[in-house]
Each structure stands twice: as C-alpha cells, then as structure tokens.
Protein backbone atom coordinates (compact mmCIF):
# COMPACT_ATOMS: atom_id res chain seq x y z
CA MET A 1 -17.38 -12.29 229.82
CA THR A 2 -19.55 -9.57 228.35
CA LEU A 3 -20.85 -9.99 224.85
CA ALA A 4 -20.78 -6.65 223.07
CA LEU A 5 -23.44 -6.23 220.41
CA PHE A 6 -22.51 -3.92 217.61
CA ALA A 7 -25.14 -2.17 215.53
CA ARG A 8 -24.99 -2.96 211.87
CA PRO A 9 -23.88 0.11 209.90
CA ALA A 10 -26.72 1.86 208.15
CA VAL A 11 -27.04 0.95 204.48
CA LEU A 12 -29.02 2.97 201.95
CA THR A 13 -32.16 1.08 200.96
CA PHE A 14 -35.05 2.05 198.72
CA GLU A 15 -38.71 1.21 199.07
CA VAL A 16 -42.14 2.42 198.08
CA GLY A 17 -43.19 5.01 200.61
CA SER A 18 -45.75 7.72 201.12
CA LEU A 19 -45.95 11.51 201.08
CA ALA A 20 -45.82 11.30 204.88
CA ASP A 21 -42.34 9.76 204.49
CA ALA A 22 -41.12 12.10 201.74
CA ASN A 23 -42.61 15.51 202.57
CA PRO A 24 -40.59 16.23 205.74
CA LEU A 25 -37.41 15.79 203.69
CA LEU A 26 -38.82 17.92 200.85
CA VAL A 27 -39.81 20.70 203.29
CA GLU A 28 -36.30 20.78 204.71
CA ARG A 29 -34.15 20.07 201.65
CA HIS A 30 -35.92 20.72 198.32
CA TYR A 31 -36.19 24.22 196.86
CA LEU A 32 -39.78 23.59 195.69
CA GLY A 33 -40.91 22.19 199.02
CA PRO A 34 -43.47 19.47 199.71
CA VAL A 35 -45.85 17.80 197.28
CA GLY A 36 -49.61 17.75 197.59
CA GLY A 37 -52.40 16.25 195.58
CA ALA A 38 -52.67 12.89 193.91
CA VAL A 39 -49.44 10.98 193.46
CA ARG A 40 -48.86 7.74 191.59
CA LEU A 41 -45.67 6.58 193.31
CA VAL A 42 -43.36 7.71 196.11
CA VAL A 43 -39.93 6.10 196.44
CA VAL A 44 -37.97 6.76 199.60
CA GLY A 45 -34.30 6.19 200.34
CA TRP A 46 -33.66 5.18 203.94
CA LEU A 47 -30.35 5.27 205.77
CA GLY A 48 -31.20 3.31 208.88
CA SER A 49 -34.33 5.04 210.18
CA GLU A 50 -33.67 8.35 208.41
CA VAL A 51 -35.12 9.38 205.02
CA VAL A 52 -32.21 10.73 202.97
CA ALA A 53 -33.68 10.61 199.44
CA ALA A 54 -37.12 10.80 197.85
CA MET A 55 -38.77 10.62 194.45
CA VAL A 56 -42.40 11.63 193.93
CA TRP A 57 -44.16 10.61 190.70
CA LYS A 58 -47.41 12.05 189.36
CA LEU A 59 -49.30 12.10 186.09
CA PRO A 60 -47.72 14.63 183.69
CA THR A 61 -48.76 18.25 184.18
CA SER A 62 -48.24 19.32 180.56
CA ARG A 63 -51.41 19.24 178.49
CA TYR A 64 -49.31 17.87 175.61
CA LEU A 65 -48.28 14.70 177.45
CA PRO A 66 -50.47 11.62 178.01
CA SER A 67 -52.46 11.68 181.24
CA ASP A 68 -53.77 8.14 180.76
CA GLY A 69 -51.23 6.63 183.18
CA SER A 70 -48.82 5.46 180.48
CA TRP A 71 -46.42 8.30 181.35
CA LEU A 72 -45.26 9.39 184.80
CA GLU A 73 -43.68 12.72 185.67
CA LEU A 74 -41.03 13.08 188.34
CA SER A 75 -42.49 15.86 190.46
CA ARG A 76 -39.67 15.90 193.06
CA TRP A 77 -36.29 14.23 193.36
CA CYS A 78 -34.38 15.02 196.50
CA LEU A 79 -30.97 13.54 197.25
CA THR A 80 -29.01 14.52 200.32
CA PRO A 81 -25.26 14.17 200.87
CA GLU A 82 -26.09 11.58 203.53
CA ALA A 83 -27.45 9.30 200.80
CA GLY A 84 -23.88 8.83 199.61
CA LYS A 85 -22.02 8.44 196.37
CA ASN A 86 -24.03 7.35 193.32
CA ALA A 87 -27.27 7.43 195.30
CA GLY A 88 -29.09 9.13 192.43
CA SER A 89 -28.24 6.55 189.80
CA ARG A 90 -28.90 3.73 192.27
CA MET A 91 -32.28 5.22 193.19
CA HIS A 92 -33.23 5.71 189.55
CA GLY A 93 -32.24 2.13 188.73
CA TRP A 94 -34.27 0.73 191.65
CA THR A 95 -37.28 2.86 190.67
CA ALA A 96 -37.14 1.96 186.96
CA ARG A 97 -37.00 -1.75 187.83
CA HIS A 98 -39.89 -1.35 190.28
CA ILE A 99 -42.06 0.45 187.71
CA ARG A 100 -41.26 -2.12 184.99
CA ARG A 101 -42.29 -4.97 187.32
CA ASN A 102 -45.29 -3.39 189.02
CA CYS A 103 -46.73 -0.85 186.59
CA PRO A 104 -47.06 -2.68 183.26
CA THR A 105 -48.91 0.15 181.50
CA VAL A 106 -46.21 2.79 182.20
CA THR A 107 -44.01 3.24 179.13
CA THR A 108 -42.28 6.57 179.69
CA LEU A 109 -40.87 8.70 182.49
CA VAL A 110 -40.55 12.45 182.07
CA SER A 111 -38.86 15.06 184.21
CA TYR A 112 -37.68 18.64 184.01
CA SER A 113 -34.49 20.26 185.25
CA ASP A 114 -34.22 23.97 185.92
CA PRO A 115 -30.92 25.48 184.74
CA SER A 116 -31.85 28.78 186.42
CA HIS A 117 -31.48 26.93 189.75
CA GLY A 118 -28.18 25.29 188.75
CA HIS A 119 -29.73 21.98 187.73
CA THR A 120 -27.74 20.99 184.67
CA GLY A 121 -29.29 17.58 184.08
CA ALA A 122 -26.02 15.80 184.89
CA LEU A 123 -27.83 13.15 186.92
CA TYR A 124 -30.33 12.51 184.12
CA LYS A 125 -27.44 12.12 181.67
CA ALA A 126 -25.68 9.72 184.04
CA CYS A 127 -28.88 7.63 184.22
CA ASN A 128 -29.30 7.54 180.41
CA TRP A 129 -32.30 9.83 180.18
CA GLN A 130 -32.69 11.62 176.83
CA TRP A 131 -32.78 15.41 176.57
CA ARG A 132 -35.95 16.28 174.66
CA PRO A 133 -36.37 20.05 174.80
CA THR A 134 -39.63 21.91 174.68
CA TRP A 135 -40.01 24.72 172.17
CA HIS A 136 -39.64 27.22 175.05
CA ARG A 137 -36.11 25.94 175.62
CA LEU A 138 -35.17 26.22 171.94
CA PHE A 139 -37.03 29.45 171.17
CA PRO A 140 -37.63 31.71 174.17
CA PRO A 141 -41.10 33.20 173.80
CA PRO A 142 -41.42 36.92 173.13
CA SER A 143 -43.34 37.28 176.40
CA GLY A 144 -40.18 36.29 178.26
CA GLY A 145 -41.72 33.22 179.86
CA GLY A 146 -44.88 32.35 181.64
CA SER A 147 -45.90 33.36 185.10
CA TRP A 148 -47.94 31.32 187.56
CA ASP A 149 -48.49 34.18 189.97
CA GLY A 150 -48.70 37.04 187.46
CA ILE A 151 -45.41 38.50 188.72
CA THR A 152 -42.55 35.96 188.62
CA LYS A 153 -41.35 35.01 185.15
CA GLN A 154 -40.52 31.34 184.64
CA ALA A 155 -37.19 30.34 183.12
CA PRO A 156 -37.35 27.61 180.45
CA LYS A 157 -36.78 24.10 181.79
CA ASP A 158 -34.94 21.18 180.22
CA ARG A 159 -37.18 18.19 179.56
CA TRP A 160 -35.80 14.68 180.04
CA ILE A 161 -37.39 11.41 178.87
CA PHE A 162 -36.67 7.85 179.98
CA GLY A 163 -38.26 5.01 178.03
CA LEU A 164 -39.23 1.95 180.05
CA ARG A 165 -41.07 0.13 177.25
CA ALA A 166 -41.79 0.70 173.59
CA ASP A 167 -44.25 3.53 172.94
CA ALA A 168 -44.90 4.33 169.28
CA ARG A 169 -46.26 7.76 170.27
CA ARG A 170 -43.21 8.91 172.25
CA ASP A 171 -41.18 10.61 169.50
CA THR A 172 -44.21 12.40 168.10
CA ILE A 173 -45.36 13.52 171.54
CA VAL A 174 -42.03 15.06 172.54
CA SER A 175 -41.09 16.53 169.16
CA VAL A 176 -40.93 20.31 169.03
CA LYS A 177 -44.02 21.52 167.21
CA ASP A 178 -42.63 24.76 165.86
CA GLY A 179 -41.63 25.48 162.26
CA ARG A 180 -38.36 27.08 163.34
CA ALA A 181 -37.08 23.73 164.63
CA ALA A 182 -37.24 22.06 161.21
C-alpha cells in the first residue's frame, strides 16, 4: 500500500518582511515601482512561497506631517489577484494590530490615493480610514499642480488617515489651512 502525501493548499499569511521580499513584487506589479531608502516597516503577504501582497511604511514625506515616528506613511500597497478576496482588508487589519502591539509610539497612519490612476480609495473606505483632503484636492492651485521633474504635472491626491491611538494633534495637523475651506 502506497501512502500518498498531499500538499496542504497554500493559505495567505502575513508577516514582517524586508524590501528584498517586497521589491520584486513592486517592480512587476506596482505602477510606482520599487521602494528605496529608509523604511520603518514592510509587511508581506505570502501564498505558499510566493509574495502576492506587500505594504511598505516610511516616515511621512509631507513637511506638514510629524516626522518624529508617531505617524507612518504607506509608501506602497500592492495587492495581486492571487492574494484573493478581501486580502486588502485582511492585510490592513493584520498590520494595524501588529503596529499597535509592537510600535507603541505610532498613533496615526497616513496614505494617499491617486484618482488620476483610477485609485478611488474604495479599499481605504472599506478599512475605515478617514478621507482628510489636502488643500490641493479641494482647491486646485493656479499653477495646475506641482512637478517633480519640471515637466510632468502632478494630479491632486486623496489623503487618508487611520488612527491607531489617541493623538490630540491629529485634527489640527490634517485640517486644511486655507481660508476658502472655512
């Protein structure tokens, strides 16, 4: 009698990873490509031995947001169809719990979605993030938007905030500082 061993079906699991885990996926599947520089946290979604989802967290890039480590900015979030149904909300939930347990000084998560690339923010809404627009989103600047390379104009992004812990500064920090918003 031959005993047949069956491989366990792959199940999506999340763990803290590295840029070496995440960047190959980002090169292949994310419109902004890989991440460089200093990162605070990388979360990777594995399906068996394959990376099918990744989140890369850094300190905020905006000069108006705290860079003291109390806020983290989601620099990349890549979900593939292979990750399966509800992978985004499951990944966000795992990551929020991990940060609450292991990063006691982090109070707030911030991210941006780009409507000009079809990113509506639906996943952020599903995960209970709050839409907190920048003044650029509410009042397009007369210059038509900034340019990193001097040629390409930037479309306004939607800013999303997720509170992990109380932060008395949060509402003031993300309020639109423009008289037209009053």
